[in-house]
C-alpha atoms as a PDB file:
ATOM      1  CA  MET A   1      16.158 -20.659  12.482  1.00  0.00           C
ATOM      2  CA  SER A   2      17.523 -18.028  14.341  1.00  0.00           C
ATOM      3  CA  LYS A   3      16.105 -15.193  17.542  1.00  0.00           C
ATOM      4  CA  LYS A   4      17.102 -12.227  15.429  1.00  0.00           C
ATOM      5  CA  ILE A   5      15.280 -13.873  12.176  1.00  0.00           C
ATOM      6  CA  LYS A   6      12.065 -15.369  13.738  1.00  0.00           C
ATOM      7  CA  LYS A   7      11.866 -11.337  15.369  1.00  0.00           C
ATOM      8  CA  LEU A   8      12.337 -10.385  11.967  1.00  0.00           C
ATOM      9  CA  PHE A   9       9.558 -12.799  10.488  1.00  0.00           C
ATOM     10  CA  LEU A  10       7.021 -11.577  13.150  1.00  0.00           C
ATOM     11  CA  LYS A  11       7.553  -8.186  12.270  1.00  0.00           C
ATOM     12  CA  ILE A  12       6.912  -8.477   9.125  1.00  0.00           C
ATOM     13  CA  GLU A  13       3.995 -10.807   9.241  1.00  0.00           C
ATOM     14  CA  TYR A  14       2.599  -7.913  12.302  1.00  0.00           C
ATOM     15  CA  VAL A  15       3.174  -5.256   9.081  1.00  0.00           C
ATOM     16  CA  SER A  16       2.405  -6.809   6.613  1.00  0.00           C
ATOM     17  CA  LEU A  17      -1.269  -7.888   7.552  1.00  0.00           C
ATOM     18  CA  ASP A  18      -1.051  -3.603   8.564  1.00  0.00           C
ATOM     19  CA  LEU A  19      -1.255  -2.876   6.109  1.00  0.00           C
ATOM     20  CA  GLU A  20      -3.442  -5.473   4.364  1.00  0.00           C
ATOM     21  CA  GLU A  21      -5.862  -4.067   7.018  1.00  0.00           C
ATOM     22  CA  THR A  22      -5.273  -0.586   6.195  1.00  0.00           C
ATOM     23  CA  LEU A  23      -5.749  -0.609   2.480  1.00  0.00           C
ATOM     24  CA  GLU A  24      -8.441  -2.031   2.317  1.00  0.00           C
ATOM     25  CA  ASN A  25      -9.699   0.151   5.299  1.00  0.00           C
ATOM     26  CA  PHE A  26      -8.785   3.090   3.308  1.00  0.00           C
ATOM     27  CA  GLU A  27     -10.748   1.537  -0.432  1.00  0.00           C
ATOM     28  CA  GLU A  28     -14.157   1.363   2.166  1.00  0.00           C
ATOM     29  CA  TYR A  29     -13.718   4.593   3.058  1.00  0.00           C
ATOM     30  CA  ASN A  30     -12.154   6.684   0.390  1.00  0.00           C
ATOM     31  CA  ASN A  31     -15.382   5.271  -1.769  1.00  0.00           C
ATOM     32  CA  ASP A  32     -17.908   6.602   1.375  1.00  0.00           C
ATOM     33  CA  LEU A  33     -15.999  10.123   0.309  1.00  0.00           C
ATOM     34  CA  ASN A  34     -16.340  10.214  -3.548  1.00  0.00           C
ATOM     35  CA  LYS A  35     -19.658   9.681  -2.065  1.00  0.00           C
ATOM     36  CA  ASN A  36     -20.136  11.421  -0.070  1.00  0.00           C
ATOM     37  CA  LEU A  37     -18.579  14.793  -1.047  1.00  0.00           C
ATOM     38  CA  GLN A  38     -19.130  13.618  -4.861  1.00  0.00           C
ATOM     39  CA  SER A  39     -19.860  18.052  -5.080  1.00  0.00           C
ATOM     40  CA  GLU A  40     -17.395  19.614  -2.911  1.00  0.00           C
ATOM     41  CA  ILE A  41     -14.645  17.075  -5.198  1.00  0.00           C
ATOM     42  CA  GLU A  42     -16.299  18.495  -9.071  1.00  0.00           C
ATOM     43  CA  TYR A  43     -15.453  21.425  -7.613  1.00  0.00           C
ATOM     44  CA  MET A  44     -11.725  20.943  -7.003  1.00  0.00           C
ATOM     45  CA  ASN A  45     -12.225  19.591 -11.077  1.00  0.00           C
ATOM     46  CA  PHE A  46     -13.383  22.697 -11.597  1.00  0.00           C
ATOM     47  CA  ILE A  47     -11.561  24.643 -10.112  1.00  0.00           C
ATOM     48  CA  ASN A  48      -8.158  22.946 -10.271  1.00  0.00           C
ATOM     49  CA  LYS A  49      -9.181  23.014 -14.915  1.00  0.00           C
ATOM     50  CA  ASN A  50      -9.465  26.218 -14.740  1.00  0.00           C
ATOM     51  CA  SER A  51      -6.020  27.750 -13.350  1.00  0.00           C
ATOM     52  CA  GLN A  52      -3.844  24.488 -14.905  1.00  0.00           C
ATOM     53  CA  ASN A  53      -2.486  24.907 -18.822  1.00  0.00           C
ATOM     54  CA  ASN A  54      -2.958  22.341 -21.401  1.00  0.00           C
ATOM     55  CA  ASN A  55      -0.018  20.960 -21.446  1.00  0.00           C
ATOM     56  CA  LYS A  56      -0.249  17.717 -19.162  1.00  0.00           C
ATOM     57  CA  GLU A  57       2.518  15.728 -19.377  1.00  0.00           C
ATOM     58  CA  ILE A  58       2.539  11.906 -18.558  1.00  0.00           C
ATOM     59  CA  SER A  59       4.886  10.106 -16.289  1.00  0.00           C
ATOM     60  CA  SER A  60       4.595   7.427 -15.174  1.00  0.00           C
ATOM     61  CA  SER A  61       6.358   5.809 -11.436  1.00  0.00           C
ATOM     62  CA  PRO A  62       9.716   5.192 -12.305  1.00  0.00           C
ATOM     63  CA  LYS A  63      10.973   1.149 -11.609  1.00  0.00           C
ATOM     64  CA  PRO A  64      12.598   0.900  -7.844  1.00  0.00           C
ATOM     65  CA  PRO A  65      16.168  -0.340  -8.079  1.00  0.00           C
ATOM     66  CA  GLU A  66      16.476  -4.219  -8.606  1.00  0.00           C
ATOM     67  CA  SER A  67      17.483  -5.882  -5.875  1.00  0.00           C
ATOM     68  CA  LYS A  68      19.638  -8.295  -5.415  1.00  0.00           C
ATOM     69  CA  LEU A  69      18.203  -9.779  -2.434  1.00  0.00           C
ATOM     70  CA  ILE A  70      15.058 -10.162  -3.941  1.00  0.00           C
ATOM     71  CA  ARG A  71      15.884 -11.382  -6.445  1.00  0.00           C
ATOM     72  CA  LYS A  72      17.901 -14.047  -3.728  1.00  0.00           C
ATOM     73  CA  ILE A  73      15.794 -15.618  -2.324  1.00  0.00           C
ATOM     74  CA  TYR A  74      13.016 -15.564  -5.270  1.00  0.00           C
ATOM     75  CA  LYS A  75      15.462 -18.770  -6.678  1.00  0.00           C
ATOM     76  CA  ASN A  76      15.045 -19.947  -3.687  1.00  0.00           C
ATOM     77  CA  LEU A  77      11.691 -20.003  -2.794  1.00  0.00           C
ATOM     78  CA  ALA A  78      10.969 -21.208  -6.819  1.00  0.00           C
ATOM     79  CA  LYS A  79      14.279 -24.393  -6.403  1.00  0.00           C
ATOM     80  CA  ILE A  80      11.214 -25.806  -3.911  1.00  0.00           C
ATOM     81  CA  LEU A  81       7.650 -23.968  -4.532  1.00  0.00           C
ATOM     82  CA  HIS A  82       7.747 -24.484  -8.282  1.00  0.00           C
ATOM     83  CA  PRO A  83       4.889 -26.658  -9.508  1.00  0.00           C
ATOM     84  CA  ASP A  84       7.412 -28.901 -11.337  1.00  0.00           C
ATOM     85  CA  VAL A  85       9.512 -30.090  -7.879  1.00  0.00           C
ATOM     86  CA  SER A  86       7.225 -29.348  -5.201  1.00  0.00           C
ATOM     87  CA  ASP A  87       4.773 -31.263  -4.131  1.00  0.00           C
ATOM     88  CA  ASN A  88       2.255 -29.453  -2.104  1.00  0.00           C
ATOM     89  CA  PRO A  89      -1.118 -29.461  -4.086  1.00  0.00           C
ATOM     90  CA  ASN A  90      -1.556 -26.559  -3.627  1.00  0.00           C
ATOM     91  CA  ALA A  91       2.186 -25.527  -5.717  1.00  0.00           C
ATOM     92  CA  THR A  92       1.373 -24.009  -8.874  1.00  0.00           C
ATOM     93  CA  GLU A  93      -1.163 -20.722  -7.088  1.00  0.00           C
ATOM     94  CA  ILE A  94       1.397 -20.511  -4.303  1.00  0.00           C
ATOM     95  CA  PHE A  95       4.531 -19.523  -7.033  1.00  0.00           C
ATOM     96  CA  ARG A  96       2.253 -17.693  -9.095  1.00  0.00           C
ATOM     97  CA  GLU A  97       1.411 -15.721  -6.145  1.00  0.00           C
ATOM     98  CA  VAL A  98       5.835 -16.397  -5.069  1.00  0.00           C
ATOM     99  CA  THR A  99       6.475 -14.887  -8.607  1.00  0.00           C
ATOM    100  CA  ASP A 100       4.386 -11.155  -8.484  1.00  0.00           C
ATOM    101  CA  TYR A 101       5.825 -10.314  -4.937  1.00  0.00           C
ATOM    102  CA  TYR A 102       8.989 -10.785  -7.713  1.00  0.00           C
ATOM    103  CA  GLU A 103       7.808  -9.274 -11.100  1.00  0.00           C
ATOM    104  CA  ASN A 104       6.449  -6.519  -7.879  1.00  0.00           C
ATOM    105  CA  TYR A 105       9.543  -5.964  -6.038  1.00  0.00           C
ATOM    106  CA  ASN A 106       7.852  -6.152  -2.961  1.00  0.00           C
ATOM    107  CA  LEU A 107       9.939  -8.584  -0.459  1.00  0.00           C
ATOM    108  CA  MET A 108       8.097  -9.294   2.456  1.00  0.00           C
ATOM    109  CA  GLY A 109       5.581 -10.653   0.214  1.00  0.00           C
ATOM    110  CA  LEU A 110       8.664 -13.037  -0.862  1.00  0.00           C
ATOM    111  CA  ILE A 111       9.275 -13.571   3.261  1.00  0.00           C
ATOM    112  CA  ARG A 112       6.484 -14.127   4.119  1.00  0.00           C
ATOM    113  CA  VAL A 113       5.797 -17.206   2.063  1.00  0.00           C
ATOM    114  CA  SER A 114       9.265 -18.760   3.023  1.00  0.00           C
ATOM    115  CA  ASN A 115       7.365 -17.821   6.653  1.00  0.00           C
ATOM    116  CA  GLU A 116       4.400 -19.743   5.835  1.00  0.00           C
ATOM    117  CA  ASN A 117       5.652 -22.963   4.034  1.00  0.00           C
ATOM    118  CA  ASN A 118       8.468 -23.398   6.785  1.00  0.00           C
ATOM    119  CA  ILE A 119      11.549 -21.764   4.175  1.00  0.00           C
ATOM    120  CA  ASN A 120      15.049 -20.997   6.659  1.00  0.00           C
ATOM    121  CA  LEU A 121      16.570 -17.703   4.671  1.00  0.00           C
ATOM    122  CA  ASN A 122      19.627 -18.897   7.570  1.00  0.00           C
ATOM    123  CA  PHE A 123      21.665 -16.628   4.327  1.00  0.00           C
ATOM    124  CA  LEU A 124      20.550 -13.817   5.043  1.00  0.00           C
ATOM    125  CA  ASN A 125      22.982 -11.484   5.614  1.00  0.00           C
ATOM    126  CA  ASP A 126      23.472  -8.339   7.482  1.00  0.00           C
ATOM    127  CA  ALA A 127      23.390  -6.128   4.668  1.00  0.00           C
ATOM    128  CA  ASP A 128      20.074  -8.344   3.917  1.00  0.00           C
ATOM    129  CA  MET A 129      19.120  -7.799   7.018  1.00  0.00           C
ATOM    130  CA  GLN A 130      19.402  -3.907   6.921  1.00  0.00           C
ATOM    131  CA  GLU A 131      17.725  -3.464   2.796  1.00  0.00           C
ATOM    132  CA  ILE A 132      14.803  -5.612   5.181  1.00  0.00           C
ATOM    133  CA  GLU A 133      13.976  -3.546   8.000  1.00  0.00           C
ATOM    134  CA  GLU A 134      13.771  -0.216   5.837  1.00  0.00           C
ATOM    135  CA  SER A 135      11.532  -2.775   4.013  1.00  0.00           C
ATOM    136  CA  ILE A 136       9.745  -2.614   6.418  1.00  0.00           C
ATOM    137  CA  GLN A 137       9.891   0.823   7.305  1.00  0.00           C
ATOM    138  CA  LYS A 138       8.008   2.056   4.033  1.00  0.00           C
ATOM    139  CA  ASN A 139       5.495  -0.128   4.656  1.00  0.00           C
ATOM    140  CA  ASN A 140       4.565   1.517   8.610  1.00  0.00           C
ATOM    141  CA  GLU A 141       5.658   5.251   6.223  1.00  0.00           C
ATOM    142  CA  LYS A 142       2.909   4.330   3.646  1.00  0.00           C
ATOM    143  CA  ILE A 143       0.498   2.891   6.308  1.00  0.00           C
ATOM    144  CA  ASN A 144       0.852   6.980   7.937  1.00  0.00           C
ATOM    145  CA  GLU A 145       0.591   8.409   5.054  1.00  0.00           C
ATOM    146  CA  LEU A 146      -3.408   6.516   4.462  1.00  0.00           C
ATOM    147  CA  LYS A 147      -3.752   6.908   7.428  1.00  0.00           C
ATOM    148  CA  ASN A 148      -3.022  10.463   7.182  1.00  0.00           C
ATOM    149  CA  THR A 149      -5.454  11.317   4.470  1.00  0.00           C
ATOM    150  CA  LEU A 150      -9.125  13.048   3.890  1.00  0.00           C
ATOM    151  CA  ALA A 151     -10.609   9.390   2.930  1.00  0.00           C
ATOM    152  CA  TRP A 152      -8.969   7.999   6.146  1.00  0.00           C
ATOM    153  CA  PHE A 153     -10.503  11.229   8.405  1.00  0.00           C
ATOM    154  CA  TRP A 154     -13.686  10.854   6.508  1.00  0.00           C
ATOM    155  CA  GLY A 155     -13.848   6.915   7.182  1.00  0.00           C
ATOM    156  CA  THR A 156     -13.019   7.315  10.765  1.00  0.00           C
ATOM    157  CA  ASN A 157     -14.761   9.966  11.847  1.00  0.00           C
ATOM    158  CA  ASP A 158     -17.915  10.192  14.950  1.00  0.00           C
ATOM    159  CA  ALA A 159     -19.152  13.371  13.481  1.00  0.00           C
ATOM    160  CA  GLU A 160     -22.529  13.969  11.723  1.00  0.00           C
ATOM    161  CA  VAL A 161     -22.169  14.150   8.194  1.00  0.00           C
ATOM    162  CA  ALA A 162     -22.856  17.405   8.223  1.00  0.00           C
ATOM    163  CA  GLU A 163     -20.675  18.222  10.497  1.00  0.00           C
ATOM    164  CA  LYS A 164     -18.069  15.784   8.352  1.00  0.00           C
ATOM    165  CA  ARG A 165     -18.524  17.501   5.843  1.00  0.00           C
ATOM    166  CA  LYS A 166     -17.786  21.044   6.234  1.00  0.00           C
ATOM    167  CA  LYS A 167     -14.284  19.826   7.869  1.00  0.00           C
ATOM    168  CA  ALA A 168     -13.657  17.732   4.863  1.00  0.00           C
ATOM    169  CA  ARG A 169     -14.560  21.253   2.108  1.00  0.00           C
ATOM    170  CA  SER A 170     -12.084  23.185   5.203  1.00  0.00           C
ATOM    171  CA  LEU A 171      -9.815  20.324   4.501  1.00  0.00           C
ATOM    172  CA  MET A 172      -9.832  20.384   0.686  1.00  0.00           C
ATOM    173  CA  GLY A 173      -8.634  24.464   0.611  1.00  0.00           C
ATOM    174  CA  ILE A 174     -11.891  24.778  -0.443  1.00  0.00           C
ATOM    175  CA  ASN A 175     -13.631  28.429   0.051  1.00  0.00           C
ATOM    176  CA  GLU A 176     -16.798  28.446   1.826  1.00  0.00           C
ATOM    177  CA  LYS A 177     -18.674  31.113   0.516  1.00  0.00           C
ATOM    178  CA  ASP A 178     -16.987  30.300  -2.774  1.00  0.00           C
ATOM    179  CA  PHE A 179     -18.231  26.690  -2.975  1.00  0.00           C
ATOM    180  CA  LEU A 180     -22.136  27.992  -2.592  1.00  0.00           C
ATOM    181  CA  ASN A 181     -21.712  30.284  -4.886  1.00  0.00           C
ATOM    182  CA  TRP A 182     -20.429  27.975  -7.492  1.00  0.00           C
ATOM    183  CA  LYS A 183     -22.583  24.771  -6.909  1.00  0.00           C
ATOM    184  CA  SER A 184     -26.157  27.510  -6.960  1.00  0.00           C
ATOM    185  CA  GLY A 185     -24.920  28.594  -9.735  1.00  0.00           C
END
């Protein structure tokens, strides 16, 4: 395996673990935020209901473009890890994971499975490497987006709850006087 691919695998491992940890922390922080700011959330919902018209459109997130690289790596993994051909006692579980990554367009997940199972990806070309770098960049951006949320502020700020609530209301764009009037009425 070339040094370039080894470095890329290490980058993927690091970013994947960072994203996993960030998602776990975000979920905890968001739950805590929702519990502690229930009145503020109800107020925001009240304001939003009154300011929106009733014509709601249902939008679904678009399916990401098909990646030849994802398909290429998936096929390579399937040839080696499919339960019908693999001697690994965990082949069924591993292959389910591979299939899940494939169906969810998770390039980094597929590469992590390759790395964890010592499967060579020497067939990667420069365009493939560029696509992997872009995937790493998108995951880094997702991490940064999560770390710039109100939930992250709530979970990582050491101030007293009352002080955090006041700051959170400010970040949410809540007028303190209007909120207190709404809450008392």
